[in-house]
Amino acid sequence: MQVEKEIDARGMFCPTPLVYISKELRSIPVGSYLKVLSDDKGFERDIKVWCHDTGNKLVSLEKKDGYYEAVIQRGKGWHGDTLWEKAKFYAIGVKLHILEYLYRIFKPIAPKYIITFMSIPEGFRAIQFLHQRGIKDFTTLPVPNEIYEFCGLVIGFKDKDRAVEVYNLLKENRFGVEDIHIVDRKNRYPTLQTQGD
């Protein structure tokens, strides 16, 4: 087992280590390994749940001298455990991909800024939180292949300031938001630098 990358997340607290893990795993090939060091007290529980929710494999998790050392193998994404979860997962995926296709055809009405999440369940949890707060001026879409080749979801906004405002709200409430990406005409998705990054 050869480790491709290593993250030292000691001194960081949930969800920050998981956000860094998510970003780094996307930069290595499927089947490759990532080593993570964390001294967050909840890391043991959090990393097990996160690996399950994202379809990555927790190869090892050891308690060392005041910190955890985890080795994660990059998987192909989560698609549900039970038949019902799989059916629901694919039904939602079809709906989101149809919407994305329509936006690619009708670009003037498409979102210009999209927020990515560290996992699909985290994205759904954030959407539920926003709806409970009465925030509904966003579009839910599948994560573009140019950002991540496996399943995922994003929320999109037409206005940059609104995207930054919602991103900061989610971050302040400890949601696992990764980045804000700008949707450009050539379907590239550069990252927008946000306050506090």
N, C-alpha and C. Protein backbone atom coordinates (compact mmCIF):
# COMPACT_ATOMS: atom_id res chain seq x y z
N MET A 1 0.85 -1.19 0.00
CA MET A 1 0.00 0.00 0.00
C MET A 1 0.89 1.24 0.00
N GLN A 2 0.85 1.98 -1.09
CA GLN A 2 1.65 3.19 -1.20
C GLN A 2 0.74 4.40 -1.04
N VAL A 3 1.05 5.25 -0.06
CA VAL A 3 0.24 6.44 0.20
C VAL A 3 0.60 7.51 -0.83
N GLU A 4 -0.45 8.01 -1.51
CA GLU A 4 -0.26 9.02 -2.55
C GLU A 4 -0.05 10.41 -1.96
N LYS A 5 -0.83 10.73 -0.92
CA LYS A 5 -0.76 12.05 -0.28
C LYS A 5 -0.97 11.90 1.22
N GLU A 6 -0.57 12.94 1.96
CA GLU A 6 -0.79 12.95 3.41
C GLU A 6 -1.32 14.32 3.82
N ILE A 7 -2.29 14.32 4.72
CA ILE A 7 -2.85 15.56 5.26
C ILE A 7 -2.61 15.58 6.76
N ASP A 8 -2.03 16.66 7.25
CA ASP A 8 -1.89 16.85 8.70
C ASP A 8 -2.98 17.82 9.12
N ALA A 9 -4.08 17.29 9.66
CA ALA A 9 -5.22 18.11 10.05
C ALA A 9 -5.25 18.33 11.56
N ARG A 10 -4.14 18.11 12.22
CA ARG A 10 -4.10 18.33 13.67
C ARG A 10 -4.30 19.81 13.97
N GLY A 11 -5.11 20.10 14.98
CA GLY A 11 -5.45 21.48 15.31
C GLY A 11 -6.72 21.96 14.62
N MET A 12 -7.26 21.15 13.71
CA MET A 12 -8.51 21.51 13.02
C MET A 12 -9.67 20.72 13.63
N PHE A 13 -10.85 21.32 13.57
CA PHE A 13 -12.02 20.68 14.15
C PHE A 13 -13.10 20.49 13.09
N CYS A 14 -13.95 19.49 13.33
CA CYS A 14 -15.01 19.11 12.39
C CYS A 14 -15.85 20.32 12.00
N PRO A 15 -16.17 20.51 10.72
CA PRO A 15 -15.95 19.58 9.61
C PRO A 15 -14.69 19.84 8.80
N THR A 16 -13.81 20.73 9.26
CA THR A 16 -12.65 21.15 8.46
C THR A 16 -11.77 19.98 8.01
N PRO A 17 -11.40 19.02 8.88
CA PRO A 17 -10.58 17.91 8.39
C PRO A 17 -11.26 17.14 7.25
N LEU A 18 -12.58 16.93 7.36
CA LEU A 18 -13.30 16.18 6.33
C LEU A 18 -13.35 16.95 5.01
N VAL A 19 -13.45 18.26 5.09
CA VAL A 19 -13.45 19.08 3.87
C VAL A 19 -12.10 18.94 3.16
N TYR A 20 -11.01 19.02 3.91
CA TYR A 20 -9.68 18.85 3.30
C TYR A 20 -9.50 17.45 2.72
N ILE A 21 -9.99 16.44 3.45
CA ILE A 21 -9.90 15.06 2.95
C ILE A 21 -10.65 14.93 1.63
N SER A 22 -11.87 15.47 1.59
CA SER A 22 -12.67 15.40 0.38
C SER A 22 -11.96 16.03 -0.81
N LYS A 23 -11.40 17.21 -0.61
CA LYS A 23 -10.69 17.91 -1.70
C LYS A 23 -9.47 17.12 -2.16
N GLU A 24 -8.69 16.62 -1.21
CA GLU A 24 -7.45 15.91 -1.58
C GLU A 24 -7.75 14.58 -2.26
N LEU A 25 -8.78 13.86 -1.81
CA LEU A 25 -9.11 12.58 -2.45
C LEU A 25 -9.50 12.78 -3.91
N ARG A 26 -10.13 13.89 -4.21
CA ARG A 26 -10.53 14.16 -5.59
C ARG A 26 -9.32 14.37 -6.51
N SER A 27 -8.17 14.66 -5.92
CA SER A 27 -6.99 14.94 -6.73
C SER A 27 -6.11 13.71 -6.95
N ILE A 28 -6.52 12.54 -6.41
CA ILE A 28 -5.74 11.32 -6.61
C ILE A 28 -6.60 10.29 -7.34
N PRO A 29 -5.97 9.33 -8.02
CA PRO A 29 -6.75 8.34 -8.77
C PRO A 29 -7.54 7.39 -7.87
N VAL A 30 -8.62 6.83 -8.42
CA VAL A 30 -9.41 5.82 -7.72
C VAL A 30 -8.49 4.66 -7.36
N GLY A 31 -8.63 4.16 -6.14
CA GLY A 31 -7.79 3.06 -5.67
C GLY A 31 -6.55 3.52 -4.94
N SER A 32 -6.21 4.81 -5.05
CA SER A 32 -5.02 5.34 -4.36
C SER A 32 -5.34 5.62 -2.90
N TYR A 33 -4.28 5.84 -2.12
CA TYR A 33 -4.41 5.97 -0.67
C TYR A 33 -4.02 7.36 -0.18
N LEU A 34 -4.74 7.81 0.83
CA LEU A 34 -4.49 9.10 1.46
C LEU A 34 -4.33 8.86 2.96
N LYS A 35 -3.27 9.42 3.54
CA LYS A 35 -3.07 9.31 5.00
C LYS A 35 -3.49 10.62 5.64
N VAL A 36 -4.20 10.52 6.77
CA VAL A 36 -4.69 11.70 7.47
C VAL A 36 -4.31 11.63 8.95
N LEU A 37 -3.81 12.73 9.48
CA LEU A 37 -3.52 12.85 10.90
C LEU A 37 -4.50 13.86 11.48
N SER A 38 -5.17 13.50 12.58
CA SER A 38 -6.14 14.41 13.20
C SER A 38 -6.18 14.20 14.70
N ASP A 39 -6.28 15.32 15.43
CA ASP A 39 -6.41 15.21 16.89
C ASP A 39 -7.80 15.67 17.36
N ASP A 40 -8.74 15.80 16.41
CA ASP A 40 -10.12 16.14 16.76
C ASP A 40 -10.75 14.96 17.50
N LYS A 41 -11.36 15.21 18.65
CA LYS A 41 -11.92 14.14 19.48
C LYS A 41 -12.99 13.33 18.76
N GLY A 42 -13.74 13.97 17.87
CA GLY A 42 -14.81 13.27 17.16
C GLY A 42 -14.37 12.65 15.85
N PHE A 43 -13.06 12.67 15.56
CA PHE A 43 -12.58 12.22 14.25
C PHE A 43 -12.88 10.75 13.99
N GLU A 44 -12.72 9.91 14.99
CA GLU A 44 -12.93 8.47 14.79
C GLU A 44 -14.34 8.20 14.27
N ARG A 45 -15.32 8.77 14.93
CA ARG A 45 -16.72 8.58 14.51
C ARG A 45 -16.97 9.27 13.17
N ASP A 46 -16.49 10.52 13.03
CA ASP A 46 -16.75 11.31 11.82
C ASP A 46 -16.17 10.66 10.57
N ILE A 47 -14.95 10.13 10.65
CA ILE A 47 -14.31 9.58 9.46
C ILE A 47 -14.98 8.29 9.02
N LYS A 48 -15.48 7.50 9.98
CA LYS A 48 -16.20 6.27 9.62
C LYS A 48 -17.49 6.60 8.87
N VAL A 49 -18.25 7.55 9.40
CA VAL A 49 -19.51 7.95 8.75
C VAL A 49 -19.23 8.57 7.39
N TRP A 50 -18.23 9.46 7.33
CA TRP A 50 -17.92 10.16 6.07
C TRP A 50 -17.48 9.17 5.00
N CYS A 51 -16.64 8.21 5.34
CA CYS A 51 -16.19 7.22 4.35
C CYS A 51 -17.39 6.44 3.81
N HIS A 52 -18.30 6.03 4.70
CA HIS A 52 -19.50 5.31 4.25
C HIS A 52 -20.33 6.19 3.32
N ASP A 53 -20.54 7.45 3.71
CA ASP A 53 -21.41 8.36 2.95
C ASP A 53 -20.83 8.76 1.60
N THR A 54 -19.54 8.61 1.43
CA THR A 54 -18.91 9.04 0.18
C THR A 54 -18.43 7.89 -0.69
N GLY A 55 -18.55 6.65 -0.20
CA GLY A 55 -18.11 5.50 -0.99
C GLY A 55 -16.61 5.33 -1.03
N ASN A 56 -15.92 5.88 -0.03
CA ASN A 56 -14.47 5.67 0.10
C ASN A 56 -14.23 4.63 1.19
N LYS A 57 -13.07 3.99 1.17
CA LYS A 57 -12.80 2.89 2.11
C LYS A 57 -11.82 3.33 3.18
N LEU A 58 -12.24 3.17 4.44
CA LEU A 58 -11.35 3.42 5.56
C LEU A 58 -10.52 2.17 5.77
N VAL A 59 -9.27 2.21 5.34
CA VAL A 59 -8.39 1.04 5.36
C VAL A 59 -7.87 0.78 6.76
N SER A 60 -7.47 1.85 7.45
CA SER A 60 -6.99 1.69 8.82
C SER A 60 -7.23 2.98 9.60
N LEU A 61 -7.39 2.81 10.91
CA LEU A 61 -7.57 3.94 11.81
C LEU A 61 -6.90 3.57 13.12
N GLU A 62 -5.82 4.27 13.45
CA GLU A 62 -5.06 3.97 14.67
C GLU A 62 -4.99 5.18 15.56
N LYS A 63 -5.05 4.93 16.85
CA LYS A 63 -4.85 6.00 17.83
C LYS A 63 -3.37 6.02 18.17
N LYS A 64 -2.74 7.15 17.96
CA LYS A 64 -1.31 7.30 18.25
C LYS A 64 -1.15 8.13 19.52
N ASP A 65 -0.08 8.84 19.64
CA ASP A 65 0.22 9.64 20.83
C ASP A 65 -0.57 10.95 20.80
N GLY A 66 -1.87 10.88 21.14
CA GLY A 66 -2.70 12.08 21.19
C GLY A 66 -3.37 12.46 19.88
N TYR A 67 -3.26 11.60 18.87
CA TYR A 67 -3.93 11.89 17.60
C TYR A 67 -4.28 10.58 16.89
N TYR A 68 -5.11 10.70 15.86
CA TYR A 68 -5.49 9.55 15.04
C TYR A 68 -4.70 9.58 13.73
N GLU A 69 -4.41 8.39 13.23
CA GLU A 69 -3.82 8.25 11.90
C GLU A 69 -4.75 7.34 11.09
N ALA A 70 -5.30 7.88 10.03
CA ALA A 70 -6.22 7.13 9.18
C ALA A 70 -5.64 7.00 7.79
N VAL A 71 -5.88 5.85 7.17
CA VAL A 71 -5.54 5.66 5.76
C VAL A 71 -6.85 5.37 5.03
N ILE A 72 -7.10 6.15 3.99
CA ILE A 72 -8.34 6.06 3.22
C ILE A 72 -8.01 5.73 1.78
N GLN A 73 -8.74 4.79 1.22
CA GLN A 73 -8.58 4.46 -0.21
C GLN A 73 -9.71 5.13 -0.97
N ARG A 74 -9.34 5.84 -2.02
CA ARG A 74 -10.36 6.54 -2.81
C ARG A 74 -11.25 5.53 -3.54
N GLY A 75 -12.56 5.70 -3.36
CA GLY A 75 -13.54 4.84 -4.02
C GLY A 75 -14.21 5.54 -5.19
N LYS A 76 -15.32 4.97 -5.63
CA LYS A 76 -16.05 5.49 -6.79
C LYS A 76 -17.34 6.20 -6.40
N GLY A 77 -17.49 6.54 -5.13
CA GLY A 77 -18.69 7.25 -4.70
C GLY A 77 -19.74 6.32 -4.14
N TRP A 78 -20.65 6.89 -3.37
CA TRP A 78 -21.71 6.13 -2.71
C TRP A 78 -22.94 6.09 -3.61
N HIS A 79 -23.58 4.93 -3.67
CA HIS A 79 -24.79 4.77 -4.49
C HIS A 79 -25.93 4.13 -3.71
N GLY A 80 -25.82 4.05 -2.40
CA GLY A 80 -26.87 3.45 -1.58
C GLY A 80 -26.50 2.04 -1.14
N ASP A 81 -27.00 1.66 0.03
CA ASP A 81 -26.72 0.33 0.56
C ASP A 81 -27.87 -0.64 0.25
N THR A 82 -29.10 -0.19 0.47
CA THR A 82 -30.25 -1.06 0.24
C THR A 82 -30.83 -0.79 -1.15
N LEU A 83 -31.70 -1.67 -1.61
CA LEU A 83 -32.34 -1.49 -2.91
C LEU A 83 -33.14 -0.19 -2.94
N TRP A 84 -33.86 0.12 -1.84
CA TRP A 84 -34.63 1.36 -1.77
C TRP A 84 -33.72 2.58 -1.85
N GLU A 85 -32.58 2.56 -1.12
CA GLU A 85 -31.64 3.68 -1.17
C GLU A 85 -31.08 3.86 -2.57
N LYS A 86 -30.75 2.74 -3.23
CA LYS A 86 -30.23 2.82 -4.60
C LYS A 86 -31.26 3.42 -5.55
N ALA A 87 -32.53 2.97 -5.45
CA ALA A 87 -33.59 3.47 -6.33
C ALA A 87 -33.80 4.97 -6.10
N LYS A 88 -33.83 5.38 -4.84
CA LYS A 88 -34.02 6.79 -4.51
C LYS A 88 -32.85 7.62 -5.01
N PHE A 89 -31.64 7.10 -4.82
CA PHE A 89 -30.42 7.79 -5.25
C PHE A 89 -30.45 8.04 -6.76
N TYR A 90 -30.77 7.00 -7.54
CA TYR A 90 -30.77 7.15 -9.00
C TYR A 90 -31.93 8.02 -9.48
N ALA A 91 -33.08 7.97 -8.80
CA ALA A 91 -34.21 8.82 -9.19
C ALA A 91 -33.87 10.30 -9.00
N ILE A 92 -33.25 10.62 -7.88
CA ILE A 92 -32.83 12.00 -7.63
C ILE A 92 -31.78 12.40 -8.66
N GLY A 93 -30.86 11.50 -8.95
CA GLY A 93 -29.81 11.79 -9.94
C GLY A 93 -30.38 12.10 -11.31
N VAL A 94 -31.36 11.32 -11.74
CA VAL A 94 -31.99 11.56 -13.05
C VAL A 94 -32.63 12.94 -13.07
N LYS A 95 -33.37 13.27 -12.02
CA LYS A 95 -34.04 14.57 -11.94
C LYS A 95 -33.02 15.71 -12.01
N LEU A 96 -31.93 15.61 -11.25
CA LEU A 96 -30.92 16.67 -11.24
C LEU A 96 -30.21 16.78 -12.59
N HIS A 97 -29.96 15.66 -13.24
CA HIS A 97 -29.26 15.70 -14.54
C HIS A 97 -30.15 16.28 -15.63
N ILE A 98 -31.45 16.05 -15.57
CA ILE A 98 -32.36 16.68 -16.55
C ILE A 98 -32.33 18.20 -16.38
N LEU A 99 -32.37 18.65 -15.13
CA LEU A 99 -32.30 20.08 -14.86
C LEU A 99 -30.99 20.68 -15.35
N GLU A 100 -29.88 19.97 -15.09
CA GLU A 100 -28.57 20.44 -15.55
C GLU A 100 -28.55 20.54 -17.07
N TYR A 101 -29.11 19.55 -17.76
CA TYR A 101 -29.15 19.56 -19.22
C TYR A 101 -29.92 20.78 -19.73
N LEU A 102 -31.05 21.09 -19.10
CA LEU A 102 -31.84 22.26 -19.51
C LEU A 102 -31.03 23.55 -19.31
N TYR A 103 -30.29 23.63 -18.22
CA TYR A 103 -29.48 24.83 -17.98
C TYR A 103 -28.34 24.95 -19.00
N ARG A 104 -27.82 23.82 -19.45
CA ARG A 104 -26.76 23.89 -20.47
C ARG A 104 -27.31 24.40 -21.80
N ILE A 105 -28.58 24.11 -22.06
CA ILE A 105 -29.22 24.61 -23.29
C ILE A 105 -29.59 26.08 -23.13
N PHE A 106 -30.20 26.41 -21.99
CA PHE A 106 -30.67 27.78 -21.73
C PHE A 106 -29.72 28.48 -20.76
N LYS A 107 -28.51 28.76 -21.22
CA LYS A 107 -27.45 29.30 -20.36
C LYS A 107 -27.80 30.62 -19.67
N PRO A 108 -28.58 31.51 -20.30
CA PRO A 108 -28.87 32.78 -19.61
C PRO A 108 -29.60 32.62 -18.28
N ILE A 109 -30.35 31.54 -18.09
CA ILE A 109 -31.07 31.36 -16.81
C ILE A 109 -30.31 30.45 -15.84
N ALA A 110 -29.17 29.95 -16.26
CA ALA A 110 -28.40 29.01 -15.44
C ALA A 110 -27.69 29.73 -14.29
N PRO A 111 -27.47 29.02 -13.17
CA PRO A 111 -26.69 29.61 -12.06
C PRO A 111 -25.27 29.94 -12.53
N LYS A 112 -24.71 31.00 -11.97
CA LYS A 112 -23.35 31.43 -12.33
C LYS A 112 -22.31 31.04 -11.29
N TYR A 113 -22.79 30.70 -10.08
CA TYR A 113 -21.90 30.34 -8.98
C TYR A 113 -22.46 29.10 -8.29
N ILE A 114 -21.60 28.10 -8.06
CA ILE A 114 -22.07 26.88 -7.41
C ILE A 114 -21.22 26.55 -6.18
N ILE A 115 -21.90 26.05 -5.16
CA ILE A 115 -21.23 25.66 -3.91
C ILE A 115 -21.15 24.14 -3.87
N THR A 116 -19.94 23.62 -3.62
CA THR A 116 -19.74 22.17 -3.51
C THR A 116 -19.67 21.76 -2.04
N PHE A 117 -19.97 20.46 -1.81
CA PHE A 117 -20.01 19.90 -0.46
C PHE A 117 -19.08 18.70 -0.35
N MET A 118 -18.73 18.33 0.88
CA MET A 118 -17.81 17.22 1.10
C MET A 118 -18.46 15.86 0.90
N SER A 119 -19.80 15.80 0.84
CA SER A 119 -20.50 14.55 0.58
C SER A 119 -21.93 14.85 0.15
N ILE A 120 -22.58 13.86 -0.46
CA ILE A 120 -23.98 14.02 -0.86
C ILE A 120 -24.88 14.23 0.36
N PRO A 121 -24.77 13.38 1.41
CA PRO A 121 -25.61 13.62 2.59
C PRO A 121 -25.40 15.00 3.22
N GLU A 122 -24.16 15.49 3.19
CA GLU A 122 -23.90 16.82 3.75
C GLU A 122 -24.60 17.89 2.92
N GLY A 123 -24.62 17.71 1.60
CA GLY A 123 -25.33 18.64 0.73
C GLY A 123 -26.82 18.65 1.02
N PHE A 124 -27.42 17.46 1.17
CA PHE A 124 -28.85 17.38 1.48
C PHE A 124 -29.15 17.99 2.86
N ARG A 125 -28.26 17.76 3.81
CA ARG A 125 -28.43 18.32 5.15
C ARG A 125 -28.40 19.85 5.10
N ALA A 126 -27.48 20.40 4.29
CA ALA A 126 -27.36 21.85 4.13
C ALA A 126 -28.62 22.42 3.45
N ILE A 127 -29.12 21.73 2.44
CA ILE A 127 -30.33 22.18 1.74
C ILE A 127 -31.51 22.22 2.70
N GLN A 128 -31.64 21.19 3.53
CA GLN A 128 -32.72 21.15 4.52
C GLN A 128 -32.59 22.32 5.50
N PHE A 129 -31.37 22.59 5.94
CA PHE A 129 -31.11 23.71 6.85
C PHE A 129 -31.51 25.03 6.20
N LEU A 130 -31.14 25.23 4.94
CA LEU A 130 -31.48 26.47 4.23
C LEU A 130 -33.00 26.61 4.08
N HIS A 131 -33.67 25.53 3.71
CA HIS A 131 -35.13 25.58 3.58
C HIS A 131 -35.80 25.94 4.91
N GLN A 132 -35.29 25.38 6.00
CA GLN A 132 -35.85 25.70 7.32
C GLN A 132 -35.68 27.17 7.67
N ARG A 133 -34.64 27.78 7.11
CA ARG A 133 -34.39 29.20 7.32
C ARG A 133 -35.13 30.07 6.32
N GLY A 134 -35.90 29.46 5.42
CA GLY A 134 -36.63 30.21 4.41
C GLY A 134 -35.79 30.61 3.21
N ILE A 135 -34.60 30.02 3.08
CA ILE A 135 -33.70 30.33 1.96
C ILE A 135 -33.96 29.32 0.85
N LYS A 136 -34.52 29.79 -0.25
CA LYS A 136 -34.88 28.89 -1.35
C LYS A 136 -34.48 29.45 -2.71
N ASP A 137 -33.67 30.50 -2.73
CA ASP A 137 -33.29 31.15 -3.99
C ASP A 137 -32.05 30.51 -4.62
N PHE A 138 -32.00 29.18 -4.60
CA PHE A 138 -30.88 28.46 -5.21
C PHE A 138 -31.44 27.28 -5.99
N THR A 139 -30.59 26.72 -6.83
CA THR A 139 -30.95 25.55 -7.62
C THR A 139 -30.05 24.40 -7.20
N THR A 140 -30.62 23.21 -7.03
CA THR A 140 -29.83 22.02 -6.72
C THR A 140 -29.51 21.30 -8.03
N LEU A 141 -28.23 20.98 -8.23
CA LEU A 141 -27.76 20.36 -9.47
C LEU A 141 -26.76 19.26 -9.14
N PRO A 142 -26.49 18.36 -10.10
CA PRO A 142 -25.40 17.39 -9.89
C PRO A 142 -24.06 18.11 -10.00
N VAL A 143 -23.08 17.60 -9.30
CA VAL A 143 -21.75 18.20 -9.40
C VAL A 143 -21.23 18.01 -10.83
N PRO A 144 -20.73 19.07 -11.47
CA PRO A 144 -20.22 18.92 -12.84
C PRO A 144 -19.04 17.94 -12.91
N ASN A 145 -18.97 17.19 -13.99
CA ASN A 145 -17.86 16.23 -14.18
C ASN A 145 -16.51 16.92 -14.16
N GLU A 146 -16.49 18.19 -14.56
CA GLU A 146 -15.22 18.93 -14.58
C GLU A 146 -14.68 19.16 -13.18
N ILE A 147 -15.55 19.11 -12.17
CA ILE A 147 -15.12 19.27 -10.78
C ILE A 147 -14.87 17.92 -10.15
N TYR A 148 -15.80 16.98 -10.36
CA TYR A 148 -15.70 15.66 -9.74
C TYR A 148 -16.42 14.66 -10.63
N GLU A 149 -15.73 13.61 -11.05
CA GLU A 149 -16.29 12.70 -12.05
C GLU A 149 -17.34 11.74 -11.52
N PHE A 150 -17.51 11.64 -10.19
CA PHE A 150 -18.52 10.77 -9.63
C PHE A 150 -19.71 11.58 -9.14
N CYS A 151 -20.72 10.88 -8.63
CA CYS A 151 -21.95 11.56 -8.21
C CYS A 151 -21.69 12.52 -7.06
N GLY A 152 -22.45 13.57 -7.05
CA GLY A 152 -22.41 14.57 -6.00
C GLY A 152 -23.45 15.62 -6.32
N LEU A 153 -23.60 16.58 -5.42
CA LEU A 153 -24.54 17.65 -5.73
C LEU A 153 -23.97 18.99 -5.32
N VAL A 154 -24.50 20.02 -5.96
CA VAL A 154 -24.10 21.40 -5.68
C VAL A 154 -25.37 22.23 -5.57
N ILE A 155 -25.23 23.42 -5.01
CA ILE A 155 -26.32 24.38 -5.08
C ILE A 155 -25.82 25.60 -5.85
N GLY A 156 -26.68 26.13 -6.72
CA GLY A 156 -26.27 27.20 -7.61
C GLY A 156 -27.02 28.49 -7.38
N PHE A 157 -26.31 29.59 -7.62
CA PHE A 157 -26.87 30.93 -7.46
C PHE A 157 -26.53 31.77 -8.69
N LYS A 158 -27.40 32.71 -9.00
CA LYS A 158 -27.14 33.62 -10.12
C LYS A 158 -26.24 34.77 -9.67
N ASP A 159 -26.30 35.13 -8.38
CA ASP A 159 -25.61 36.31 -7.87
C ASP A 159 -24.40 35.91 -7.02
N LYS A 160 -23.27 36.50 -7.30
CA LYS A 160 -22.03 36.19 -6.58
C LYS A 160 -22.14 36.51 -5.09
N ASP A 161 -22.64 37.70 -4.77
CA ASP A 161 -22.73 38.09 -3.35
C ASP A 161 -23.64 37.15 -2.57
N ARG A 162 -24.72 36.69 -3.21
CA ARG A 162 -25.64 35.77 -2.54
C ARG A 162 -24.96 34.42 -2.31
N ALA A 163 -24.20 33.95 -3.30
CA ALA A 163 -23.48 32.69 -3.15
C ALA A 163 -22.49 32.76 -1.99
N VAL A 164 -21.76 33.87 -1.90
CA VAL A 164 -20.79 34.06 -0.82
C VAL A 164 -21.50 34.14 0.53
N GLU A 165 -22.63 34.85 0.57
CA GLU A 165 -23.40 34.98 1.81
C GLU A 165 -23.88 33.61 2.32
N VAL A 166 -24.43 32.80 1.42
CA VAL A 166 -24.93 31.48 1.83
C VAL A 166 -23.78 30.55 2.19
N TYR A 167 -22.68 30.60 1.43
CA TYR A 167 -21.48 29.81 1.73
C TYR A 167 -21.00 30.12 3.16
N ASN A 168 -20.90 31.42 3.48
CA ASN A 168 -20.43 31.82 4.81
C ASN A 168 -21.41 31.40 5.90
N LEU A 169 -22.72 31.48 5.63
CA LEU A 169 -23.73 31.04 6.59
C LEU A 169 -23.57 29.55 6.88
N LEU A 170 -23.40 28.75 5.83
CA LEU A 170 -23.24 27.31 6.01
C LEU A 170 -21.94 26.99 6.75
N LYS A 171 -20.88 27.70 6.40
CA LYS A 171 -19.59 27.48 7.06
C LYS A 171 -19.66 27.84 8.55
N GLU A 172 -20.31 28.96 8.86
CA GLU A 172 -20.46 29.39 10.26
C GLU A 172 -21.26 28.37 11.07
N ASN A 173 -22.18 27.66 10.41
CA ASN A 173 -23.00 26.67 11.09
C ASN A 173 -22.42 25.26 10.95
N ARG A 174 -21.14 25.19 10.62
CA ARG A 174 -20.34 23.96 10.62
C ARG A 174 -20.80 22.92 9.60
N PHE A 175 -21.26 23.38 8.44
CA PHE A 175 -21.56 22.46 7.36
C PHE A 175 -20.28 22.25 6.54
N GLY A 176 -20.19 21.08 5.93
CA GLY A 176 -18.99 20.72 5.16
C GLY A 176 -19.02 21.27 3.74
N VAL A 177 -18.99 22.62 3.63
CA VAL A 177 -18.90 23.25 2.31
C VAL A 177 -17.44 23.24 1.87
N GLU A 178 -17.23 23.01 0.59
CA GLU A 178 -15.85 22.99 0.08
C GLU A 178 -15.48 24.33 -0.55
N ASP A 179 -16.09 24.64 -1.66
CA ASP A 179 -15.71 25.83 -2.43
C ASP A 179 -16.92 26.44 -3.11
N ILE A 180 -16.70 27.67 -3.61
CA ILE A 180 -17.63 28.27 -4.56
C ILE A 180 -16.91 28.26 -5.90
N HIS A 181 -17.56 27.71 -6.93
CA HIS A 181 -16.98 27.68 -8.27
C HIS A 181 -17.75 28.63 -9.17
N ILE A 182 -17.02 29.26 -10.08
CA ILE A 182 -17.63 30.14 -11.07
C ILE A 182 -17.93 29.31 -12.31
N VAL A 183 -19.15 29.41 -12.82
CA VAL A 183 -19.52 28.70 -14.04
C VAL A 183 -19.19 29.62 -15.21
N ASP A 184 -18.22 29.24 -16.04
CA ASP A 184 -17.87 30.11 -17.16
C ASP A 184 -18.41 29.53 -18.47
N ARG A 185 -18.23 30.26 -19.55
CA ARG A 185 -18.82 29.88 -20.84
C ARG A 185 -18.24 28.60 -21.41
N LYS A 186 -17.03 28.25 -21.03
CA LYS A 186 -16.38 27.05 -21.58
C LYS A 186 -16.55 25.85 -20.66
N ASN A 187 -17.49 25.95 -19.70
CA ASN A 187 -17.75 24.88 -18.74
C ASN A 187 -16.50 24.48 -17.96
N ARG A 188 -15.71 25.49 -17.62
CA ARG A 188 -14.67 25.29 -16.62
C ARG A 188 -15.21 25.87 -15.33
N TYR A 189 -14.67 25.46 -14.23
CA TYR A 189 -15.24 25.87 -12.95
C TYR A 189 -14.14 26.34 -12.00
N PRO A 190 -13.54 27.51 -12.29
CA PRO A 190 -12.52 27.99 -11.36
C PRO A 190 -13.13 28.29 -9.99
N THR A 191 -12.29 28.21 -8.97
CA THR A 191 -12.74 28.45 -7.60
C THR A 191 -12.75 29.95 -7.32
N LEU A 192 -13.81 30.39 -6.68
CA LEU A 192 -13.92 31.78 -6.23
C LEU A 192 -13.32 31.87 -4.85
N GLN A 193 -12.38 32.79 -4.65
CA GLN A 193 -11.82 32.97 -3.32
C GLN A 193 -12.84 33.66 -2.44
N THR A 194 -13.10 33.10 -1.26
CA THR A 194 -14.09 33.65 -0.35
C THR A 194 -13.41 34.17 0.90
N GLN A 195 -14.14 35.00 1.64
CA GLN A 195 -13.58 35.55 2.88
C GLN A 195 -13.28 34.42 3.84
N GLY A 196 -12.15 34.52 4.50
CA GLY A 196 -11.78 33.53 5.50
C GLY A 196 -11.02 32.35 4.90
N ASP A 197 -10.87 32.28 3.55
CA ASP A 197 -10.13 31.17 2.93
C ASP A 197 -8.69 31.59 2.72
